[in-house]
Amino acid sequence: MNPRNIACLLMLTLPVTAPHASAGFLASEAGGVVTELALDALKKKTSSSTQNGQTAQATQKYSVEAVLDGDAIAVRSADGRTSYRVRLAMIDAPEKQQDYGMSSKASLTQLLRGSANISIESFGHDAYGRMIGIVFDERQRNVNLLQLENGAAWLYSLYAEKPAFAGYVQSFKAAEQRARMQKIGLWSNPSPTPPWKFRRG
């Protein structure tokens, strides 16, 4: 088998272990050749990668059907055939019965107002069958992050620290810290109750 064929086989069988691994940074030592076929195969692999049980999939388009609360929405697929419930990844908003719960929902409603179509980067599903996702509005703003900046949610550290979210976690931590320091939204209360404690009663 010649070096070009060996290079191709090596590239096709290389595992992709990072969610944002780029085929452009991978090279074969066999003859120093990286074939177009190998690059195409690796690009397809990187469109869906798994880390620690979380799956980052290609971003898809949806229309918003309803805002359910400060960290959950209902959406419909671009073809209009399927509806989904989406849990915004990495954040946890106050429950509706909590202080600032309805204000958090209003904040998310305002952020999505006027966005006929949104994009969602999906990270699998939670125990309730809801899609876990990072939501981007029509201007490609990160809506999950904006909820933190608005003081409308906590960083959900239990899940936000997972490897699948490594590309987002530092900016999310910084957004929450800014809201805390400026006493924005729920942080105007000197000792707000985190929703995960509220749910435990």
N, C-alpha and C. Protein backbone atom coordinates (compact mmCIF):
# COMPACT_ATOMS: atom_id res chain seq x y z
N MET A 1 0.86 -1.20 0.00
CA MET A 1 0.00 0.00 0.00
C MET A 1 0.89 1.24 0.00
N ASN A 2 0.58 2.21 -0.86
CA ASN A 2 1.45 3.37 -0.96
C ASN A 2 1.16 4.36 0.17
N PRO A 3 2.10 5.32 0.43
CA PRO A 3 1.94 6.25 1.55
C PRO A 3 0.66 7.06 1.50
N ARG A 4 0.19 7.42 0.28
CA ARG A 4 -1.03 8.21 0.18
C ARG A 4 -2.23 7.44 0.72
N ASN A 5 -2.31 6.13 0.40
CA ASN A 5 -3.42 5.31 0.89
C ASN A 5 -3.33 5.12 2.40
N ILE A 6 -2.09 4.93 2.90
CA ILE A 6 -1.91 4.77 4.34
C ILE A 6 -2.38 6.02 5.07
N ALA A 7 -2.01 7.20 4.53
CA ALA A 7 -2.41 8.46 5.15
C ALA A 7 -3.92 8.56 5.22
N CYS A 8 -4.57 8.18 4.14
CA CYS A 8 -6.03 8.25 4.10
C CYS A 8 -6.65 7.37 5.16
N LEU A 9 -6.15 6.11 5.26
CA LEU A 9 -6.71 5.19 6.25
C LEU A 9 -6.49 5.68 7.66
N LEU A 10 -5.28 6.23 7.93
CA LEU A 10 -5.01 6.73 9.27
C LEU A 10 -5.93 7.88 9.65
N MET A 11 -6.15 8.78 8.70
CA MET A 11 -7.00 9.92 8.98
C MET A 11 -8.44 9.51 9.21
N LEU A 12 -8.92 8.53 8.44
CA LEU A 12 -10.31 8.10 8.56
C LEU A 12 -10.57 7.39 9.87
N THR A 13 -9.54 6.80 10.48
CA THR A 13 -9.75 6.03 11.71
C THR A 13 -9.36 6.80 12.96
N LEU A 14 -8.82 8.04 12.82
CA LEU A 14 -8.46 8.82 13.99
C LEU A 14 -9.71 9.18 14.79
N PRO A 15 -9.73 8.96 16.11
CA PRO A 15 -10.89 9.39 16.90
C PRO A 15 -10.86 10.89 17.10
N VAL A 16 -12.05 11.47 17.19
CA VAL A 16 -12.17 12.90 17.49
C VAL A 16 -12.67 13.01 18.91
N THR A 17 -11.85 13.61 19.79
CA THR A 17 -12.19 13.61 21.22
C THR A 17 -12.61 14.97 21.73
N ALA A 18 -12.49 16.03 20.96
CA ALA A 18 -12.88 17.35 21.43
C ALA A 18 -14.04 17.86 20.61
N PRO A 19 -14.99 18.56 21.24
CA PRO A 19 -16.19 18.97 20.53
C PRO A 19 -15.93 19.94 19.40
N HIS A 20 -14.82 20.68 19.48
CA HIS A 20 -14.55 21.64 18.43
C HIS A 20 -13.24 21.30 17.73
N ALA A 21 -12.86 20.04 17.71
CA ALA A 21 -11.63 19.65 17.04
C ALA A 21 -11.71 20.01 15.57
N SER A 22 -10.62 20.54 15.03
CA SER A 22 -10.62 20.96 13.62
C SER A 22 -9.77 20.01 12.81
N ALA A 23 -10.35 19.51 11.71
CA ALA A 23 -9.61 18.60 10.85
C ALA A 23 -8.38 19.29 10.28
N GLY A 24 -8.40 20.61 10.18
CA GLY A 24 -7.28 21.34 9.62
C GLY A 24 -6.02 21.24 10.45
N PHE A 25 -6.14 20.84 11.74
CA PHE A 25 -4.99 20.75 12.60
C PHE A 25 -4.45 19.33 12.72
N LEU A 26 -5.06 18.39 12.02
CA LEU A 26 -4.63 17.01 12.09
C LEU A 26 -3.86 16.65 10.83
N ALA A 27 -2.70 16.03 11.00
CA ALA A 27 -1.89 15.66 9.84
C ALA A 27 -1.36 14.25 10.01
N SER A 28 -1.21 13.52 8.93
CA SER A 28 -0.68 12.16 8.97
C SER A 28 0.82 12.19 8.74
N GLU A 29 1.52 11.30 9.46
CA GLU A 29 2.95 11.19 9.29
C GLU A 29 3.31 10.33 8.09
N ALA A 30 2.35 9.58 7.57
CA ALA A 30 2.65 8.65 6.47
C ALA A 30 2.76 9.42 5.16
N GLY A 31 3.98 9.76 4.79
CA GLY A 31 4.20 10.46 3.54
C GLY A 31 3.88 11.94 3.63
N GLY A 32 3.45 12.42 4.83
CA GLY A 32 3.14 13.83 4.99
C GLY A 32 1.95 14.29 4.16
N VAL A 33 1.05 13.36 3.82
CA VAL A 33 -0.06 13.69 2.92
C VAL A 33 -1.37 13.68 3.71
N VAL A 34 -2.16 14.73 3.59
CA VAL A 34 -3.51 14.76 4.13
C VAL A 34 -4.45 14.88 2.95
N THR A 35 -5.22 13.88 2.70
CA THR A 35 -6.07 13.88 1.51
C THR A 35 -7.36 14.61 1.76
N GLU A 36 -7.97 15.10 0.68
CA GLU A 36 -9.26 15.77 0.79
C GLU A 36 -10.33 14.83 1.33
N LEU A 37 -10.22 13.56 0.96
CA LEU A 37 -11.18 12.58 1.44
C LEU A 37 -11.12 12.46 2.95
N ALA A 38 -9.90 12.42 3.51
CA ALA A 38 -9.75 12.31 4.96
C ALA A 38 -10.29 13.54 5.66
N LEU A 39 -10.00 14.71 5.11
CA LEU A 39 -10.49 15.94 5.71
C LEU A 39 -12.01 15.99 5.73
N ASP A 40 -12.64 15.59 4.62
CA ASP A 40 -14.09 15.58 4.56
C ASP A 40 -14.69 14.66 5.60
N ALA A 41 -14.08 13.47 5.76
CA ALA A 41 -14.59 12.51 6.73
C ALA A 41 -14.50 13.05 8.15
N LEU A 42 -13.37 13.72 8.46
CA LEU A 42 -13.20 14.24 9.80
C LEU A 42 -14.14 15.40 10.08
N LYS A 43 -14.41 16.22 9.07
CA LYS A 43 -15.34 17.32 9.25
C LYS A 43 -16.73 16.80 9.59
N LYS A 44 -17.12 15.69 8.97
CA LYS A 44 -18.42 15.09 9.27
C LYS A 44 -18.46 14.58 10.70
N LYS A 45 -17.33 14.00 11.15
CA LYS A 45 -17.28 13.48 12.52
C LYS A 45 -17.42 14.61 13.54
N THR A 46 -16.80 15.76 13.27
CA THR A 46 -16.81 16.83 14.26
C THR A 46 -18.16 17.53 14.35
N SER A 47 -19.09 17.27 13.42
CA SER A 47 -20.41 17.90 13.50
C SER A 47 -21.22 17.36 14.66
N SER A 48 -20.86 16.17 15.17
CA SER A 48 -21.53 15.63 16.35
C SER A 48 -20.51 14.86 17.18
N SER A 49 -20.15 15.39 18.37
CA SER A 49 -19.15 14.74 19.20
C SER A 49 -19.67 14.60 20.61
N THR A 50 -19.17 13.62 21.36
CA THR A 50 -19.70 13.32 22.69
C THR A 50 -18.61 13.43 23.73
N GLN A 51 -18.93 14.07 24.87
CA GLN A 51 -18.02 14.16 26.00
C GLN A 51 -18.84 13.99 27.27
N ASN A 52 -18.42 13.02 28.10
CA ASN A 52 -19.04 12.86 29.42
C ASN A 52 -20.56 12.74 29.36
N GLY A 53 -21.06 12.08 28.31
CA GLY A 53 -22.49 11.88 28.20
C GLY A 53 -23.23 13.04 27.57
N GLN A 54 -22.56 14.16 27.32
CA GLN A 54 -23.19 15.31 26.68
C GLN A 54 -22.83 15.30 25.21
N THR A 55 -23.81 15.50 24.35
CA THR A 55 -23.58 15.46 22.92
C THR A 55 -23.79 16.83 22.30
N ALA A 56 -22.74 17.38 21.71
CA ALA A 56 -22.85 18.66 21.01
C ALA A 56 -23.14 18.38 19.55
N GLN A 57 -24.26 18.83 19.07
CA GLN A 57 -24.68 18.56 17.71
C GLN A 57 -24.65 19.83 16.88
N ALA A 58 -24.75 19.67 15.57
CA ALA A 58 -24.78 20.83 14.69
C ALA A 58 -25.95 21.73 15.05
N THR A 59 -25.71 23.06 14.99
CA THR A 59 -26.76 24.02 15.31
C THR A 59 -27.87 23.98 14.28
N GLN A 60 -29.12 23.98 14.78
CA GLN A 60 -30.28 23.90 13.90
C GLN A 60 -31.19 25.12 14.11
N LYS A 61 -32.02 25.41 13.11
CA LYS A 61 -32.94 26.54 13.15
C LYS A 61 -34.31 26.10 13.67
N TYR A 62 -34.96 26.98 14.45
CA TYR A 62 -36.28 26.71 14.99
C TYR A 62 -37.07 28.02 15.06
N SER A 63 -38.38 27.91 15.21
CA SER A 63 -39.22 29.07 15.51
C SER A 63 -39.71 28.94 16.94
N VAL A 64 -39.86 30.06 17.61
CA VAL A 64 -40.29 30.05 19.02
C VAL A 64 -41.81 29.96 19.09
N GLU A 65 -42.30 28.99 19.85
CA GLU A 65 -43.74 28.85 20.07
C GLU A 65 -44.17 29.51 21.37
N ALA A 66 -43.35 29.36 22.42
CA ALA A 66 -43.72 29.93 23.72
C ALA A 66 -42.50 30.00 24.62
N VAL A 67 -42.53 30.97 25.53
CA VAL A 67 -41.56 31.04 26.62
C VAL A 67 -42.24 30.45 27.84
N LEU A 68 -41.68 29.38 28.37
CA LEU A 68 -42.32 28.65 29.46
C LEU A 68 -41.95 29.21 30.83
N ASP A 69 -40.69 29.57 30.99
CA ASP A 69 -40.22 30.25 32.20
C ASP A 69 -38.86 30.87 31.87
N GLY A 70 -38.08 31.19 32.88
CA GLY A 70 -36.83 31.90 32.62
C GLY A 70 -35.73 31.08 32.02
N ASP A 71 -35.90 29.76 31.94
CA ASP A 71 -34.84 28.93 31.33
C ASP A 71 -35.42 27.81 30.47
N ALA A 72 -36.63 27.97 29.98
CA ALA A 72 -37.24 26.94 29.14
C ALA A 72 -38.16 27.57 28.10
N ILE A 73 -38.12 27.03 26.89
CA ILE A 73 -38.97 27.52 25.81
C ILE A 73 -39.54 26.33 25.03
N ALA A 74 -40.59 26.60 24.27
CA ALA A 74 -41.13 25.62 23.33
C ALA A 74 -40.84 26.13 21.92
N VAL A 75 -40.35 25.25 21.07
CA VAL A 75 -39.98 25.65 19.71
C VAL A 75 -40.55 24.66 18.70
N ARG A 76 -40.55 25.08 17.43
CA ARG A 76 -40.99 24.21 16.34
C ARG A 76 -39.87 24.12 15.32
N SER A 77 -39.69 22.95 14.75
CA SER A 77 -38.64 22.73 13.76
C SER A 77 -38.86 23.62 12.55
N ALA A 78 -37.79 23.84 11.78
CA ALA A 78 -37.85 24.75 10.63
C ALA A 78 -38.89 24.31 9.60
N ASP A 79 -39.10 22.99 9.50
CA ASP A 79 -40.09 22.50 8.52
C ASP A 79 -41.51 22.54 9.08
N GLY A 80 -41.65 22.95 10.35
CA GLY A 80 -42.97 23.09 10.96
C GLY A 80 -43.62 21.81 11.40
N ARG A 81 -42.92 20.70 11.31
CA ARG A 81 -43.54 19.41 11.59
C ARG A 81 -43.46 18.97 13.06
N THR A 82 -42.43 19.42 13.77
CA THR A 82 -42.19 18.87 15.11
C THR A 82 -41.98 19.98 16.12
N SER A 83 -42.59 19.82 17.29
CA SER A 83 -42.39 20.76 18.40
C SER A 83 -41.46 20.14 19.43
N TYR A 84 -40.69 20.98 20.09
CA TYR A 84 -39.75 20.54 21.11
C TYR A 84 -39.83 21.48 22.31
N ARG A 85 -39.55 20.93 23.48
CA ARG A 85 -39.32 21.75 24.65
C ARG A 85 -37.81 21.83 24.85
N VAL A 86 -37.34 23.03 25.15
CA VAL A 86 -35.90 23.26 25.25
C VAL A 86 -35.56 23.82 26.62
N ARG A 87 -34.61 23.18 27.28
CA ARG A 87 -34.07 23.67 28.56
C ARG A 87 -32.77 24.40 28.25
N LEU A 88 -32.71 25.70 28.56
CA LEU A 88 -31.51 26.47 28.27
C LEU A 88 -30.34 25.93 29.09
N ALA A 89 -29.28 25.56 28.41
CA ALA A 89 -28.13 24.92 29.05
C ALA A 89 -27.37 25.90 29.93
N MET A 90 -26.79 25.37 31.00
CA MET A 90 -25.81 26.04 31.85
C MET A 90 -26.40 27.08 32.81
N ILE A 91 -27.69 27.37 32.72
CA ILE A 91 -28.28 28.36 33.63
C ILE A 91 -29.47 27.74 34.36
N ASP A 92 -29.83 28.36 35.47
CA ASP A 92 -30.99 27.92 36.24
C ASP A 92 -31.73 29.18 36.70
N ALA A 93 -32.93 29.36 36.20
CA ALA A 93 -33.72 30.56 36.52
C ALA A 93 -34.60 30.31 37.73
N PRO A 94 -35.00 31.38 38.43
CA PRO A 94 -35.92 31.21 39.56
C PRO A 94 -37.22 30.55 39.11
N GLU A 95 -37.76 29.69 39.96
CA GLU A 95 -39.05 29.08 39.68
C GLU A 95 -40.13 30.17 39.69
N LYS A 96 -41.24 29.90 39.02
CA LYS A 96 -42.31 30.91 38.92
C LYS A 96 -42.83 31.33 40.30
N GLN A 97 -42.79 30.39 41.26
CA GLN A 97 -43.30 30.69 42.60
C GLN A 97 -42.29 31.46 43.44
N GLN A 98 -41.06 31.59 42.94
CA GLN A 98 -40.01 32.29 43.67
C GLN A 98 -40.05 33.79 43.40
N ASP A 99 -39.39 34.53 44.30
CA ASP A 99 -39.13 35.93 44.01
C ASP A 99 -38.36 36.02 42.70
N TYR A 100 -38.75 36.92 41.86
CA TYR A 100 -38.14 37.20 40.56
C TYR A 100 -38.41 36.11 39.51
N GLY A 101 -39.23 35.11 39.85
CA GLY A 101 -39.51 34.05 38.89
C GLY A 101 -40.22 34.56 37.63
N MET A 102 -41.26 35.36 37.81
CA MET A 102 -41.99 35.89 36.67
C MET A 102 -41.18 36.95 35.93
N SER A 103 -40.34 37.69 36.66
CA SER A 103 -39.48 38.68 36.03
C SER A 103 -38.43 38.00 35.14
N SER A 104 -37.95 36.83 35.58
CA SER A 104 -37.00 36.07 34.78
C SER A 104 -37.63 35.61 33.48
N LYS A 105 -38.87 35.14 33.57
CA LYS A 105 -39.60 34.74 32.36
C LYS A 105 -39.79 35.94 31.44
N ALA A 106 -40.13 37.09 32.01
CA ALA A 106 -40.32 38.30 31.21
C ALA A 106 -39.03 38.71 30.52
N SER A 107 -37.91 38.54 31.21
CA SER A 107 -36.60 38.86 30.62
C SER A 107 -36.34 38.00 29.39
N LEU A 108 -36.60 36.70 29.50
CA LEU A 108 -36.38 35.80 28.37
C LEU A 108 -37.34 36.11 27.22
N THR A 109 -38.58 36.43 27.57
CA THR A 109 -39.57 36.80 26.56
C THR A 109 -39.10 38.02 25.77
N GLN A 110 -38.58 39.00 26.49
CA GLN A 110 -38.10 40.22 25.84
C GLN A 110 -36.90 39.94 24.93
N LEU A 111 -36.00 39.08 25.38
CA LEU A 111 -34.81 38.75 24.58
C LEU A 111 -35.19 38.08 23.26
N LEU A 112 -36.26 37.29 23.28
CA LEU A 112 -36.66 36.55 22.09
C LEU A 112 -37.71 37.28 21.26
N ARG A 113 -38.18 38.41 21.75
CA ARG A 113 -39.20 39.17 21.03
C ARG A 113 -38.65 39.62 19.67
N GLY A 114 -39.41 39.38 18.63
CA GLY A 114 -39.00 39.80 17.30
C GLY A 114 -38.11 38.81 16.57
N SER A 115 -37.71 37.73 17.26
CA SER A 115 -36.89 36.70 16.61
C SER A 115 -37.82 35.63 16.03
N ALA A 116 -38.12 35.76 14.76
CA ALA A 116 -38.99 34.77 14.12
C ALA A 116 -38.31 33.41 14.07
N ASN A 117 -36.99 33.44 13.94
CA ASN A 117 -36.23 32.18 13.91
C ASN A 117 -35.05 32.29 14.85
N ILE A 118 -34.78 31.21 15.56
CA ILE A 118 -33.62 31.14 16.44
C ILE A 118 -32.78 29.93 16.05
N SER A 119 -31.55 29.91 16.54
CA SER A 119 -30.67 28.76 16.34
C SER A 119 -30.40 28.13 17.70
N ILE A 120 -30.32 26.81 17.74
CA ILE A 120 -30.03 26.11 18.98
C ILE A 120 -28.90 25.12 18.77
N GLU A 121 -27.87 25.25 19.60
CA GLU A 121 -26.80 24.25 19.64
C GLU A 121 -27.21 23.23 20.71
N SER A 122 -27.53 22.04 20.28
CA SER A 122 -28.10 21.04 21.18
C SER A 122 -27.02 20.21 21.85
N PHE A 123 -27.26 19.89 23.13
CA PHE A 123 -26.37 19.04 23.92
C PHE A 123 -27.14 17.85 24.49
N GLY A 124 -27.95 17.22 23.66
CA GLY A 124 -28.70 16.06 24.09
C GLY A 124 -30.00 16.44 24.79
N HIS A 125 -30.48 15.56 25.68
CA HIS A 125 -31.77 15.76 26.36
C HIS A 125 -31.64 15.49 27.85
N ASP A 126 -32.50 16.13 28.63
CA ASP A 126 -32.47 15.90 30.07
C ASP A 126 -33.41 14.77 30.46
N ALA A 127 -33.55 14.54 31.75
CA ALA A 127 -34.35 13.42 32.24
C ALA A 127 -35.83 13.56 31.90
N TYR A 128 -36.27 14.77 31.54
CA TYR A 128 -37.67 15.01 31.20
C TYR A 128 -37.91 15.01 29.69
N GLY A 129 -36.87 14.66 28.95
CA GLY A 129 -37.01 14.60 27.50
C GLY A 129 -36.85 15.93 26.79
N ARG A 130 -36.49 16.97 27.54
CA ARG A 130 -36.30 18.28 26.92
C ARG A 130 -34.92 18.39 26.28
N MET A 131 -34.85 19.05 25.14
CA MET A 131 -33.58 19.33 24.52
C MET A 131 -32.79 20.30 25.40
N ILE A 132 -31.52 20.02 25.62
CA ILE A 132 -30.64 20.93 26.35
C ILE A 132 -29.88 21.74 25.31
N GLY A 133 -29.98 23.06 25.36
CA GLY A 133 -29.37 23.82 24.28
C GLY A 133 -28.90 25.22 24.63
N ILE A 134 -27.95 25.70 23.84
CA ILE A 134 -27.55 27.09 23.84
C ILE A 134 -28.36 27.76 22.74
N VAL A 135 -29.10 28.79 23.09
CA VAL A 135 -30.02 29.45 22.16
C VAL A 135 -29.40 30.75 21.64
N PHE A 136 -29.48 30.95 20.33
CA PHE A 136 -29.00 32.17 19.69
C PHE A 136 -30.17 32.83 18.96
N ASP A 137 -30.33 34.15 19.15
CA ASP A 137 -31.41 34.84 18.47
C ASP A 137 -31.01 35.17 17.04
N GLU A 138 -31.85 35.93 16.34
CA GLU A 138 -31.59 36.22 14.93
C GLU A 138 -30.34 37.06 14.72
N ARG A 139 -29.92 37.77 15.77
CA ARG A 139 -28.68 38.55 15.69
C ARG A 139 -27.48 37.75 16.17
N GLN A 140 -27.71 36.45 16.40
CA GLN A 140 -26.67 35.52 16.87
C GLN A 140 -26.16 35.88 18.26
N ARG A 141 -27.01 36.51 19.07
CA ARG A 141 -26.67 36.74 20.46
C ARG A 141 -26.95 35.46 21.26
N ASN A 142 -26.09 35.18 22.22
CA ASN A 142 -26.24 34.02 23.08
C ASN A 142 -27.28 34.35 24.16
N VAL A 143 -28.48 33.82 24.01
CA VAL A 143 -29.60 34.16 24.90
C VAL A 143 -29.36 33.63 26.31
N ASN A 144 -28.79 32.44 26.44
CA ASN A 144 -28.48 31.89 27.77
C ASN A 144 -27.57 32.86 28.53
N LEU A 145 -26.53 33.32 27.85
CA LEU A 145 -25.58 34.25 28.45
C LEU A 145 -26.25 35.56 28.84
N LEU A 146 -27.15 36.06 27.98
CA LEU A 146 -27.83 37.31 28.26
C LEU A 146 -28.75 37.22 29.48
N GLN A 147 -29.31 36.04 29.72
CA GLN A 147 -30.12 35.87 30.93
C GLN A 147 -29.25 36.05 32.18
N LEU A 148 -28.02 35.58 32.13
CA LEU A 148 -27.10 35.80 33.25
C LEU A 148 -26.75 37.28 33.37
N GLU A 149 -26.47 37.92 32.25
CA GLU A 149 -26.11 39.34 32.27
C GLU A 149 -27.25 40.20 32.80
N ASN A 150 -28.48 39.78 32.54
CA ASN A 150 -29.66 40.52 33.01
C ASN A 150 -29.99 40.24 34.47
N GLY A 151 -29.22 39.37 35.11
CA GLY A 151 -29.53 38.99 36.48
C GLY A 151 -30.82 38.23 36.58
N ALA A 152 -31.13 37.47 35.52
CA ALA A 152 -32.39 36.73 35.45
C ALA A 152 -32.21 35.23 35.70
N ALA A 153 -30.99 34.81 36.00
CA ALA A 153 -30.71 33.39 36.22
C ALA A 153 -29.37 33.24 36.92
N TRP A 154 -29.20 32.07 37.53
CA TRP A 154 -27.92 31.67 38.10
C TRP A 154 -27.14 30.85 37.07
N LEU A 155 -25.82 30.85 37.20
CA LEU A 155 -25.02 29.86 36.51
C LEU A 155 -25.28 28.52 37.19
N TYR A 156 -25.66 27.50 36.42
CA TYR A 156 -25.96 26.18 37.00
C TYR A 156 -24.68 25.37 37.03
N SER A 157 -23.86 25.65 38.03
CA SER A 157 -22.49 25.13 38.08
C SER A 157 -22.42 23.61 38.02
N LEU A 158 -23.43 22.94 38.58
CA LEU A 158 -23.43 21.48 38.59
C LEU A 158 -23.28 20.91 37.18
N TYR A 159 -23.86 21.60 36.20
CA TYR A 159 -23.80 21.13 34.82
C TYR A 159 -22.89 21.98 33.94
N ALA A 160 -22.76 23.26 34.29
CA ALA A 160 -21.97 24.17 33.45
C ALA A 160 -20.50 23.80 33.39
N GLU A 161 -20.01 23.06 34.40
CA GLU A 161 -18.60 22.69 34.44
C GLU A 161 -18.29 21.44 33.61
N LYS A 162 -19.29 20.86 32.99
CA LYS A 162 -19.05 19.66 32.19
C LYS A 162 -18.17 19.99 30.99
N PRO A 163 -17.31 19.04 30.56
CA PRO A 163 -16.37 19.31 29.46
C PRO A 163 -17.05 19.80 28.18
N ALA A 164 -18.27 19.36 27.92
CA ALA A 164 -18.95 19.76 26.68
C ALA A 164 -19.15 21.27 26.60
N PHE A 165 -19.19 21.95 27.77
CA PHE A 165 -19.45 23.38 27.80
C PHE A 165 -18.18 24.21 28.01
N ALA A 166 -17.02 23.58 27.84
CA ALA A 166 -15.75 24.26 28.12
C ALA A 166 -15.58 25.54 27.32
N GLY A 167 -16.13 25.58 26.12
CA GLY A 167 -15.99 26.77 25.29
C GLY A 167 -16.84 27.95 25.74
N TYR A 168 -17.75 27.71 26.67
CA TYR A 168 -18.68 28.75 27.12
C TYR A 168 -18.51 29.15 28.58
N VAL A 169 -17.98 28.26 29.40
CA VAL A 169 -18.12 28.41 30.84
C VAL A 169 -17.47 29.68 31.39
N GLN A 170 -16.33 30.09 30.87
CA GLN A 170 -15.67 31.28 31.42
C GLN A 170 -16.48 32.55 31.17
N SER A 171 -17.03 32.68 29.98
CA SER A 171 -17.84 33.87 29.67
C SER A 171 -19.13 33.87 30.50
N PHE A 172 -19.68 32.69 30.77
CA PHE A 172 -20.89 32.60 31.59
C PHE A 172 -20.58 32.99 33.04
N LYS A 173 -19.46 32.52 33.57
CA LYS A 173 -19.08 32.89 34.93
C LYS A 173 -18.88 34.40 35.05
N ALA A 174 -18.24 34.98 34.05
CA ALA A 174 -17.99 36.42 34.07
C ALA A 174 -19.29 37.21 34.01
N ALA A 175 -20.25 36.73 33.21
CA ALA A 175 -21.54 37.42 33.09
C ALA A 175 -22.29 37.42 34.42
N GLU A 176 -22.30 36.27 35.10
CA GLU A 176 -22.98 36.21 36.39
C GLU A 176 -22.28 37.11 37.40
N GLN A 177 -20.96 37.12 37.39
CA GLN A 177 -20.22 37.94 38.35
C GLN A 177 -20.50 39.43 38.14
N ARG A 178 -20.61 39.87 36.88
CA ARG A 178 -20.92 41.27 36.61
C ARG A 178 -22.31 41.63 37.14
N ALA A 179 -23.28 40.74 36.91
CA ALA A 179 -24.64 41.00 37.39
C ALA A 179 -24.67 41.06 38.92
N ARG A 180 -23.93 40.19 39.58
CA ARG A 180 -23.86 40.19 41.05
C ARG A 180 -23.29 41.52 41.55
N MET A 181 -22.17 41.93 40.96
CA MET A 181 -21.48 43.14 41.42
C MET A 181 -22.34 44.38 41.20
N GLN A 182 -23.10 44.40 40.10
CA GLN A 182 -23.93 45.56 39.79
C GLN A 182 -25.33 45.47 40.39
N LYS A 183 -25.59 44.36 41.11
CA LYS A 183 -26.89 44.13 41.76
C LYS A 183 -28.05 44.25 40.78
N ILE A 184 -27.86 43.59 39.63
CA ILE A 184 -28.88 43.60 38.58
C ILE A 184 -29.87 42.47 38.81
N GLY A 185 -31.15 42.74 38.54
CA GLY A 185 -32.17 41.69 38.57
C GLY A 185 -32.29 41.03 39.92
N LEU A 186 -32.21 39.70 39.94
CA LEU A 186 -32.39 38.96 41.19
C LEU A 186 -31.31 39.29 42.21
N TRP A 187 -30.19 39.83 41.74
CA TRP A 187 -29.09 40.16 42.66
C TRP A 187 -29.34 41.46 43.41
N SER A 188 -30.47 42.14 43.13
CA SER A 188 -30.85 43.30 43.95
C SER A 188 -31.26 42.84 45.35
N ASN A 189 -31.62 41.57 45.47
CA ASN A 189 -31.87 40.95 46.77
C ASN A 189 -30.52 40.52 47.34
N PRO A 190 -30.18 40.93 48.54
CA PRO A 190 -28.86 40.59 49.09
C PRO A 190 -28.64 39.10 49.30
N SER A 191 -29.70 38.32 49.42
CA SER A 191 -29.53 36.87 49.64
C SER A 191 -30.62 36.09 48.91
N PRO A 192 -30.59 36.09 47.58
CA PRO A 192 -31.60 35.35 46.82
C PRO A 192 -31.42 33.84 47.01
N THR A 193 -32.53 33.11 46.96
CA THR A 193 -32.49 31.66 47.12
C THR A 193 -32.29 30.99 45.76
N PRO A 194 -31.21 30.23 45.60
CA PRO A 194 -31.01 29.53 44.33
C PRO A 194 -32.17 28.56 44.06
N PRO A 195 -32.58 28.43 42.81
CA PRO A 195 -33.74 27.57 42.50
C PRO A 195 -33.53 26.10 42.87
N TRP A 196 -32.29 25.62 42.81
CA TRP A 196 -32.08 24.20 43.16
C TRP A 196 -32.31 23.97 44.65
N LYS A 197 -32.10 24.99 45.49
CA LYS A 197 -32.43 24.87 46.91
C LYS A 197 -33.93 25.02 47.12
N PHE A 198 -34.53 25.93 46.38
CA PHE A 198 -35.98 26.13 46.47
C PHE A 198 -36.73 24.85 46.13
N ARG A 199 -36.28 24.15 45.09
CA ARG A 199 -36.96 22.92 44.66
C ARG A 199 -36.87 21.82 45.72
N ARG A 200 -35.82 21.85 46.53
CA ARG A 200 -35.69 20.84 47.57
C ARG A 200 -36.57 21.15 48.78
N GLY A 201 -37.17 22.32 48.76
CA GLY A 201 -38.06 22.71 49.85
C GLY A 201 -37.29 23.19 51.06
